[in-house]
Amino acid sequence: MSLTIRAKVGKKRVLVIPKRAAELLGLSEGSLVKIIAFKDRMIIEPIRDAIWLSIHGEKVARVTLEELEGESIERQREYGE
């Protein structure tokens, strides 16, 4: 789904992302975005954190609880030394 919306750049070049666009992208206050600027256009992309990706992201592997716990114990030992 795509959405085209006009927005106005405000004081200090602040750009307010319209509500419909923010909802479509899953953005809320405090969300991080990446801005890619070209000579005549820009692209604004959400930066997803690990929690968002774990809930909404594409699943590419399966990890068991035992594997996760084993990795955690191993890392704790490394930091403890």
PDB file of N, CA and C in Angstrom:
ATOM      1  N   MET A   1       0.842  -1.178   0.000  1.00  0.00           N
ATOM      2  CA  MET A   1       0.000   0.000   0.000  1.00  0.00           C
ATOM      3  C   MET A   1       0.881   1.233   0.000  1.00  0.00           C
ATOM      4  N   SER A   2       0.546   2.205  -0.787  1.00  0.00           N
ATOM      5  CA  SER A   2       1.289   3.463  -0.788  1.00  0.00           C
ATOM      6  C   SER A   2       0.345   4.600  -0.447  1.00  0.00           C
ATOM      7  N   LEU A   3       0.934   5.694  -0.035  1.00  0.00           N
ATOM      8  CA  LEU A   3       0.173   6.840   0.409  1.00  0.00           C
ATOM      9  C   LEU A   3       0.953   8.082   0.015  1.00  0.00           C
ATOM     10  N   THR A   4       0.308   9.029  -0.642  1.00  0.00           N
ATOM     11  CA  THR A   4       0.945  10.290  -1.001  1.00  0.00           C
ATOM     12  C   THR A   4       0.251  11.411  -0.248  1.00  0.00           C
ATOM     13  N   ILE A   5       1.019  12.146   0.546  1.00  0.00           N
ATOM     14  CA  ILE A   5       0.479  13.229   1.364  1.00  0.00           C
ATOM     15  C   ILE A   5       1.399  14.432   1.244  1.00  0.00           C
ATOM     16  N   ARG A   6       0.812  15.612   1.174  1.00  0.00           N
ATOM     17  CA  ARG A   6       1.612  16.836   1.183  1.00  0.00           C
ATOM     18  C   ARG A   6       1.848  17.251   2.630  1.00  0.00           C
ATOM     19  N   ALA A   7       3.053  17.705   2.919  1.00  0.00           N
ATOM     20  CA  ALA A   7       3.389  18.191   4.252  1.00  0.00           C
ATOM     21  C   ALA A   7       4.225  19.458   4.092  1.00  0.00           C
ATOM     22  N   LYS A   8       4.153  20.322   5.083  1.00  0.00           N
ATOM     23  CA  LYS A   8       4.859  21.600   5.032  1.00  0.00           C
ATOM     24  C   LYS A   8       6.029  21.568   6.008  1.00  0.00           C
ATOM     25  N   VAL A   9       7.169  22.080   5.556  1.00  0.00           N
ATOM     26  CA  VAL A   9       8.336  22.195   6.419  1.00  0.00           C
ATOM     27  C   VAL A   9       8.148  23.443   7.274  1.00  0.00           C
ATOM     28  N   GLY A  10       8.287  23.282   8.594  1.00  0.00           N
ATOM     29  CA  GLY A  10       8.060  24.387   9.519  1.00  0.00           C
ATOM     30  C   GLY A  10       9.349  25.073   9.934  1.00  0.00           C
ATOM     31  N   LYS A  11       9.247  25.842  11.029  1.00  0.00           N
ATOM     32  CA  LYS A  11      10.413  26.546  11.570  1.00  0.00           C
ATOM     33  C   LYS A  11      11.516  25.551  11.867  1.00  0.00           C
ATOM     34  N   LYS A  12      12.734  25.992  11.687  1.00  0.00           N
ATOM     35  CA  LYS A  12      13.925  25.167  11.906  1.00  0.00           C
ATOM     36  C   LYS A  12      13.881  23.893  11.070  1.00  0.00           C
ATOM     37  N   ARG A  13      13.199  23.948   9.934  1.00  0.00           N
ATOM     38  CA  ARG A  13      13.101  22.836   8.977  1.00  0.00           C
ATOM     39  C   ARG A  13      12.454  21.593   9.566  1.00  0.00           C
ATOM     40  N   VAL A  14      11.562  21.771  10.545  1.00  0.00           N
ATOM     41  CA  VAL A  14      10.856  20.650  11.153  1.00  0.00           C
ATOM     42  C   VAL A  14       9.796  20.143  10.186  1.00  0.00           C
ATOM     43  N   LEU A  15       9.778  18.840   9.974  1.00  0.00           N
ATOM     44  CA  LEU A  15       8.784  18.204   9.115  1.00  0.00           C
ATOM     45  C   LEU A  15       7.910  17.312   9.986  1.00  0.00           C
ATOM     46  N   VAL A  16       6.626  17.606  10.038  1.00  0.00           N
ATOM     47  CA  VAL A  16       5.692  16.799  10.811  1.00  0.00           C
ATOM     48  C   VAL A  16       5.161  15.702   9.897  1.00  0.00           C
ATOM     49  N   ILE A  17       5.282  14.462  10.346  1.00  0.00           N
ATOM     50  CA  ILE A  17       4.782  13.337   9.569  1.00  0.00           C
ATOM     51  C   ILE A  17       3.287  13.215   9.841  1.00  0.00           C
ATOM     52  N   PRO A  18       2.462  13.343   8.815  1.00  0.00           N
ATOM     53  CA  PRO A  18       1.016  13.250   9.021  1.00  0.00           C
ATOM     54  C   PRO A  18       0.607  11.921   9.658  1.00  0.00           C
ATOM     55  N   LYS A  19      -0.459  11.984  10.436  1.00  0.00           N
ATOM     56  CA  LYS A  19      -0.924  10.830  11.211  1.00  0.00           C
ATOM     57  C   LYS A  19      -1.131   9.588  10.350  1.00  0.00           C
ATOM     58  N   ARG A  20      -1.775   9.738   9.199  1.00  0.00           N
ATOM     59  CA  ARG A  20      -2.042   8.558   8.353  1.00  0.00           C
ATOM     60  C   ARG A  20      -0.756   7.893   7.902  1.00  0.00           C
ATOM     61  N   ALA A  21       0.257   8.706   7.554  1.00  0.00           N
ATOM     62  CA  ALA A  21       1.540   8.144   7.123  1.00  0.00           C
ATOM     63  C   ALA A  21       2.249   7.473   8.295  1.00  0.00           C
ATOM     64  N   ALA A  22       2.222   8.102   9.467  1.00  0.00           N
ATOM     65  CA  ALA A  22       2.866   7.536  10.653  1.00  0.00           C
ATOM     66  C   ALA A  22       2.223   6.202  11.024  1.00  0.00           C
ATOM     67  N   GLU A  23       0.897   6.147  10.965  1.00  0.00           N
ATOM     68  CA  GLU A  23       0.202   4.901  11.288  1.00  0.00           C
ATOM     69  C   GLU A  23       0.539   3.801  10.287  1.00  0.00           C
ATOM     70  N   LEU A  24       0.611   4.153   9.013  1.00  0.00           N
ATOM     71  CA  LEU A  24       0.943   3.169   7.987  1.00  0.00           C
ATOM     72  C   LEU A  24       2.325   2.567   8.235  1.00  0.00           C
ATOM     73  N   LEU A  25       3.265   3.395   8.700  1.00  0.00           N
ATOM     74  CA  LEU A  25       4.636   2.948   8.937  1.00  0.00           C
ATOM     75  C   LEU A  25       4.866   2.444  10.355  1.00  0.00           C
ATOM     76  N   GLY A  26       3.879   2.577  11.220  1.00  0.00           N
ATOM     77  CA  GLY A  26       4.047   2.149  12.601  1.00  0.00           C
ATOM     78  C   GLY A  26       4.950   3.069  13.404  1.00  0.00           C
ATOM     79  N   LEU A  27       4.949   4.362  13.081  1.00  0.00           N
ATOM     80  CA  LEU A  27       5.783   5.335  13.790  1.00  0.00           C
ATOM     81  C   LEU A  27       5.003   5.984  14.918  1.00  0.00           C
ATOM     82  N   SER A  28       5.674   6.234  16.027  1.00  0.00           N
ATOM     83  CA  SER A  28       5.077   6.964  17.140  1.00  0.00           C
ATOM     84  C   SER A  28       6.138   7.909  17.692  1.00  0.00           C
ATOM     85  N   GLU A  29       5.748   8.709  18.657  1.00  0.00           N
ATOM     86  CA  GLU A  29       6.689   9.661  19.249  1.00  0.00           C
ATOM     87  C   GLU A  29       7.930   8.924  19.739  1.00  0.00           C
ATOM     88  N   GLY A  30       9.086   9.416  19.372  1.00  0.00           N
ATOM     89  CA  GLY A  30      10.340   8.791  19.769  1.00  0.00           C
ATOM     90  C   GLY A  30      10.886   7.794  18.762  1.00  0.00           C
ATOM     91  N   SER A  31      10.104   7.449  17.736  1.00  0.00           N
ATOM     92  CA  SER A  31      10.591   6.525  16.705  1.00  0.00           C
ATOM     93  C   SER A  31      11.769   7.141  15.972  1.00  0.00           C
ATOM     94  N   LEU A  32      12.702   6.312  15.574  1.00  0.00           N
ATOM     95  CA  LEU A  32      13.842   6.776  14.796  1.00  0.00           C
ATOM     96  C   LEU A  32      13.594   6.541  13.314  1.00  0.00           C
ATOM     97  N   VAL A  33      14.059   7.477  12.497  1.00  0.00           N
ATOM     98  CA  VAL A  33      13.954   7.337  11.049  1.00  0.00           C
ATOM     99  C   VAL A  33      15.306   7.631  10.421  1.00  0.00           C
ATOM    100  N   LYS A  34      15.501   7.078   9.242  1.00  0.00           N
ATOM    101  CA  LYS A  34      16.689   7.348   8.435  1.00  0.00           C
ATOM    102  C   LYS A  34      16.239   8.209   7.266  1.00  0.00           C
ATOM    103  N   ILE A  35      16.958   9.299   7.021  1.00  0.00           N
ATOM    104  CA  ILE A  35      16.628  10.184   5.897  1.00  0.00           C
ATOM    105  C   ILE A  35      17.737  10.066   4.859  1.00  0.00           C
ATOM    106  N   ILE A  36      17.341   9.729   3.648  1.00  0.00           N
ATOM    107  CA  ILE A  36      18.275   9.646   2.527  1.00  0.00           C
ATOM    108  C   ILE A  36      17.931  10.806   1.601  1.00  0.00           C
ATOM    109  N   ALA A  37      18.867  11.736   1.452  1.00  0.00           N
ATOM    110  CA  ALA A  37      18.608  12.945   0.665  1.00  0.00           C
ATOM    111  C   ALA A  37      19.337  12.883  -0.674  1.00  0.00           C
ATOM    112  N   PHE A  38      18.616  13.229  -1.726  1.00  0.00           N
ATOM    113  CA  PHE A  38      19.150  13.345  -3.072  1.00  0.00           C
ATOM    114  C   PHE A  38      19.024  14.811  -3.489  1.00  0.00           C
ATOM    115  N   LYS A  39      19.455  15.134  -4.652  1.00  0.00           N
ATOM    116  CA  LYS A  39      19.368  16.532  -5.112  1.00  0.00           C
ATOM    117  C   LYS A  39      17.924  17.007  -5.201  1.00  0.00           C
ATOM    118  N   ASP A  40      17.010  16.147  -5.616  1.00  0.00           N
ATOM    119  CA  ASP A  40      15.639  16.596  -5.850  1.00  0.00           C
ATOM    120  C   ASP A  40      14.575  15.793  -5.107  1.00  0.00           C
ATOM    121  N   ARG A  41      14.976  14.930  -4.170  1.00  0.00           N
ATOM    122  CA  ARG A  41      13.986  14.146  -3.430  1.00  0.00           C
ATOM    123  C   ARG A  41      14.634  13.589  -2.169  1.00  0.00           C
ATOM    124  N   MET A  42      13.805  13.053  -1.271  1.00  0.00           N
ATOM    125  CA  MET A  42      14.321  12.390  -0.082  1.00  0.00           C
ATOM    126  C   MET A  42      13.470  11.173   0.222  1.00  0.00           C
ATOM    127  N   ILE A  43      14.077  10.241   0.906  1.00  0.00           N
ATOM    128  CA  ILE A  43      13.393   9.037   1.349  1.00  0.00           C
ATOM    129  C   ILE A  43      13.506   8.998   2.867  1.00  0.00           C
ATOM    130  N   ILE A  44      12.396   8.773   3.538  1.00  0.00           N
ATOM    131  CA  ILE A  44      12.384   8.643   4.988  1.00  0.00           C
ATOM    132  C   ILE A  44      11.961   7.220   5.314  1.00  0.00           C
ATOM    133  N   GLU A  45      12.830   6.492   6.014  1.00  0.00           N
ATOM    134  CA  GLU A  45      12.564   5.093   6.348  1.00  0.00           C
ATOM    135  C   GLU A  45      12.616   4.903   7.854  1.00  0.00           C
ATOM    136  N   PRO A  46      11.712   4.094   8.406  1.00  0.00           N
ATOM    137  CA  PRO A  46      11.784   3.791   9.836  1.00  0.00           C
ATOM    138  C   PRO A  46      13.044   2.987  10.148  1.00  0.00           C
ATOM    139  N   ILE A  47      13.614   3.230  11.318  1.00  0.00           N
ATOM    140  CA  ILE A  47      14.702   2.400  11.831  1.00  0.00           C
ATOM    141  C   ILE A  47      14.074   1.528  12.905  1.00  0.00           C
ATOM    142  N   ARG A  48      14.095   0.257  12.694  1.00  0.00           N
ATOM    143  CA  ARG A  48      13.440  -0.687  13.603  1.00  0.00           C
ATOM    144  C   ARG A  48      14.428  -1.188  14.649  1.00  0.00           C
ATOM    145  N   ASP A  49      14.004  -1.243  15.904  1.00  0.00           N
ATOM    146  CA  ASP A  49      14.855  -1.790  16.954  1.00  0.00           C
ATOM    147  C   ASP A  49      14.609  -3.296  17.080  1.00  0.00           C
ATOM    148  N   ALA A  50      15.403  -3.940  17.912  1.00  0.00           N
ATOM    149  CA  ALA A  50      15.342  -5.400  18.038  1.00  0.00           C
ATOM    150  C   ALA A  50      13.980  -5.883  18.528  1.00  0.00           C
ATOM    151  N   ILE A  51      13.358  -5.132  19.421  1.00  0.00           N
ATOM    152  CA  ILE A  51      12.054  -5.545  19.940  1.00  0.00           C
ATOM    153  C   ILE A  51      11.010  -5.507  18.832  1.00  0.00           C
ATOM    154  N   TRP A  52      10.980  -4.422  18.066  1.00  0.00           N
ATOM    155  CA  TRP A  52      10.012  -4.317  16.965  1.00  0.00           C
ATOM    156  C   TRP A  52      10.227  -5.457  15.980  1.00  0.00           C
ATOM    157  N   LEU A  53      11.487  -5.686  15.632  1.00  0.00           N
ATOM    158  CA  LEU A  53      11.790  -6.747  14.668  1.00  0.00           C
ATOM    159  C   LEU A  53      11.383  -8.117  15.190  1.00  0.00           C
ATOM    160  N   SER A  54      11.572  -8.353  16.497  1.00  0.00           N
ATOM    161  CA  SER A  54      11.214  -9.667  17.034  1.00  0.00           C
ATOM    162  C   SER A  54       9.706  -9.902  16.997  1.00  0.00           C
ATOM    163  N   ILE A  55       8.937  -8.829  17.107  1.00  0.00           N
ATOM    164  CA  ILE A  55       7.478  -8.966  17.098  1.00  0.00           C
ATOM    165  C   ILE A  55       6.912  -8.918  15.682  1.00  0.00           C
ATOM    166  N   HIS A  56       7.385  -7.974  14.868  1.00  0.00           N
ATOM    167  CA  HIS A  56       6.782  -7.721  13.558  1.00  0.00           C
ATOM    168  C   HIS A  56       7.644  -8.147  12.370  1.00  0.00           C
ATOM    169  N   GLY A  57       8.923  -8.345  12.591  1.00  0.00           N
ATOM    170  CA  GLY A  57       9.838  -8.605  11.482  1.00  0.00           C
ATOM    171  C   GLY A  57       9.687  -9.985  10.881  1.00  0.00           C
ATOM    172  N   GLU A  58      10.291 -10.138   9.722  1.00  0.00           N
ATOM    173  CA  GLU A  58      10.269 -11.422   9.027  1.00  0.00           C
ATOM    174  C   GLU A  58      11.094 -12.441   9.806  1.00  0.00           C
ATOM    175  N   LYS A  59      10.557 -13.603   9.988  1.00  0.00           N
ATOM    176  CA  LYS A  59      11.259 -14.654  10.719  1.00  0.00           C
ATOM    177  C   LYS A  59      12.177 -15.399   9.752  1.00  0.00           C
ATOM    178  N   VAL A  60      13.480 -15.397  10.060  1.00  0.00           N
ATOM    179  CA  VAL A  60      14.445 -16.046   9.178  1.00  0.00           C
ATOM    180  C   VAL A  60      15.100 -17.262   9.822  1.00  0.00           C
ATOM    181  N   ALA A  61      14.904 -17.413  11.127  1.00  0.00           N
ATOM    182  CA  ALA A  61      15.474 -18.565  11.829  1.00  0.00           C
ATOM    183  C   ALA A  61      14.622 -18.868  13.046  1.00  0.00           C
ATOM    184  N   ARG A  62      14.799 -20.044  13.570  1.00  0.00           N
ATOM    185  CA  ARG A  62      14.065 -20.441  14.772  1.00  0.00           C
ATOM    186  C   ARG A  62      15.103 -20.780  15.849  1.00  0.00           C
ATOM    187  N   VAL A  63      14.921 -20.185  17.027  1.00  0.00           N
ATOM    188  CA  VAL A  63      15.816 -20.415  18.153  1.00  0.00           C
ATOM    189  C   VAL A  63      14.985 -20.964  19.301  1.00  0.00           C
ATOM    190  N   THR A  64      15.455 -22.061  19.876  1.00  0.00           N
ATOM    191  CA  THR A  64      14.731 -22.632  21.009  1.00  0.00           C
ATOM    192  C   THR A  64      15.105 -21.892  22.281  1.00  0.00           C
ATOM    193  N   LEU A  65      14.277 -22.016  23.285  1.00  0.00           N
ATOM    194  CA  LEU A  65      14.543 -21.400  24.576  1.00  0.00           C
ATOM    195  C   LEU A  65      15.850 -21.934  25.162  1.00  0.00           C
ATOM    196  N   GLU A  66      16.115 -23.213  24.974  1.00  0.00           N
ATOM    197  CA  GLU A  66      17.341 -23.819  25.487  1.00  0.00           C
ATOM    198  C   GLU A  66      18.574 -23.207  24.809  1.00  0.00           C
ATOM    199  N   GLU A  67      18.506 -22.981  23.493  1.00  0.00           N
ATOM    200  CA  GLU A  67      19.619 -22.356  22.785  1.00  0.00           C
ATOM    201  C   GLU A  67      19.841 -20.932  23.272  1.00  0.00           C
ATOM    202  N   LEU A  68      18.761 -20.205  23.460  1.00  0.00           N
ATOM    203  CA  LEU A  68      18.854 -18.832  23.932  1.00  0.00           C
ATOM    204  C   LEU A  68      19.462 -18.785  25.333  1.00  0.00           C
ATOM    205  N   GLU A  69      19.016 -19.658  26.216  1.00  0.00           N
ATOM    206  CA  GLU A  69      19.537 -19.695  27.578  1.00  0.00           C
ATOM    207  C   GLU A  69      21.017 -20.093  27.578  1.00  0.00           C
ATOM    208  N   GLY A  70      21.386 -21.053  26.761  1.00  0.00           N
ATOM    209  CA  GLY A  70      22.782 -21.470  26.667  1.00  0.00           C
ATOM    210  C   GLY A  70      23.669 -20.330  26.201  1.00  0.00           C
ATOM    211  N   GLU A  71      23.221 -19.593  25.206  1.00  0.00           N
ATOM    212  CA  GLU A  71      23.976 -18.440  24.700  1.00  0.00           C
ATOM    213  C   GLU A  71      24.108 -17.376  25.783  1.00  0.00           C
ATOM    214  N   SER A  72      23.029 -17.144  26.521  1.00  0.00           N
ATOM    215  CA  SER A  72      23.047 -16.158  27.601  1.00  0.00           C
ATOM    216  C   SER A  72      24.064 -16.535  28.669  1.00  0.00           C
ATOM    217  N   ILE A  73      24.069 -17.796  29.071  1.00  0.00           N
ATOM    218  CA  ILE A  73      25.015 -18.263  30.095  1.00  0.00           C
ATOM    219  C   ILE A  73      26.449 -18.107  29.598  1.00  0.00           C
ATOM    220  N   GLU A  74      26.685 -18.450  28.346  1.00  0.00           N
ATOM    221  CA  GLU A  74      28.029 -18.334  27.773  1.00  0.00           C
ATOM    222  C   GLU A  74      28.497 -16.882  27.780  1.00  0.00           C
ATOM    223  N   ARG A  75      27.626 -15.960  27.375  1.00  0.00           N
ATOM    224  CA  ARG A  75      27.986 -14.528  27.366  1.00  0.00           C
ATOM    225  C   ARG A  75      28.227 -14.006  28.781  1.00  0.00           C
ATOM    226  N   GLN A  76      27.436 -14.454  29.735  1.00  0.00           N
ATOM    227  CA  GLN A  76      27.620 -14.026  31.116  1.00  0.00           C
ATOM    228  C   GLN A  76      28.993 -14.485  31.647  1.00  0.00           C
ATOM    229  N   ARG A  77      29.393 -15.673  31.271  1.00  0.00           N
ATOM    230  CA  ARG A  77      30.715 -16.183  31.683  1.00  0.00           C
ATOM    231  C   ARG A  77      31.823 -15.333  31.075  1.00  0.00           C
ATOM    232  N   GLU A  78      31.656 -14.947  29.810  1.00  0.00           N
ATOM    233  CA  GLU A  78      32.666 -14.107  29.153  1.00  0.00           C
ATOM    234  C   GLU A  78      32.827 -12.769  29.874  1.00  0.00           C
ATOM    235  N   TYR A  79      31.715 -12.161  30.259  1.00  0.00           N
ATOM    236  CA  TYR A  79      31.759 -10.861  30.925  1.00  0.00           C
ATOM    237  C   TYR A  79      32.229 -10.990  32.369  1.00  0.00           C
ATOM    238  N   GLY A  80      32.033 -12.160  32.964  1.00  0.00           N
ATOM    239  CA  GLY A  80      32.431 -12.379  34.346  1.00  0.00           C
ATOM    240  C   GLY A  80      33.923 -12.595  34.526  1.00  0.00           C
ATOM    241  N   GLU A  81      34.596 -12.927  33.459  1.00  0.00           N
ATOM    242  CA  GLU A  81      36.036 -13.234  33.550  1.00  0.00           C
ATOM    243  C   GLU A  81      36.870 -11.985  33.550  1.00  0.00           C
TER     244      GLU A  81
END
